Amino acid sequence: MFSLLGGKKKGIFVDLGDHNPTVISVTKLFYDLGWRGINIEANQYKFKVIDQVRTRDINLNYAVEKKKNYKLFIMSASSMSTVNTKALQKLRSEGRTKVVESVSVKGIKLEEIFRV
């Protein structure tokens, strides 16, 4: 693993759409090794778990997009939740998941995150 990172044992990561801080999480390994990161998750329910588990990190409850406000479509397969209406239409037409809730979420540009 460290050979892929050039032998670097500590660092910083950014996880867009973190979804879950422990299950199917690429950044969990980094976190467990002492790295720090920025985790961004639009789904408020998922965000609460991330914020409780990733206490050393900066955790943000936003959609990383250009506009200031969005409607987040929370899907039955929650990893497929989206603010993108084209993606929503495609998921619906393929019958892969369905909307269980829609909520308002703030948007933030990636460059704004790096100014924090």
Foldseek 3Di string as FASTA:
>chain_A
DCVVVVVDQEEEDEAAQQQALPPPGPCVVRVVSPYEYEYEHQDPVRQVRCCVPRVRYHYYNAHADDAFKFKWFQKPPRSQIDRDVVSVVVCVVVVVIGGPDIDMGTYDHPVVVVVD
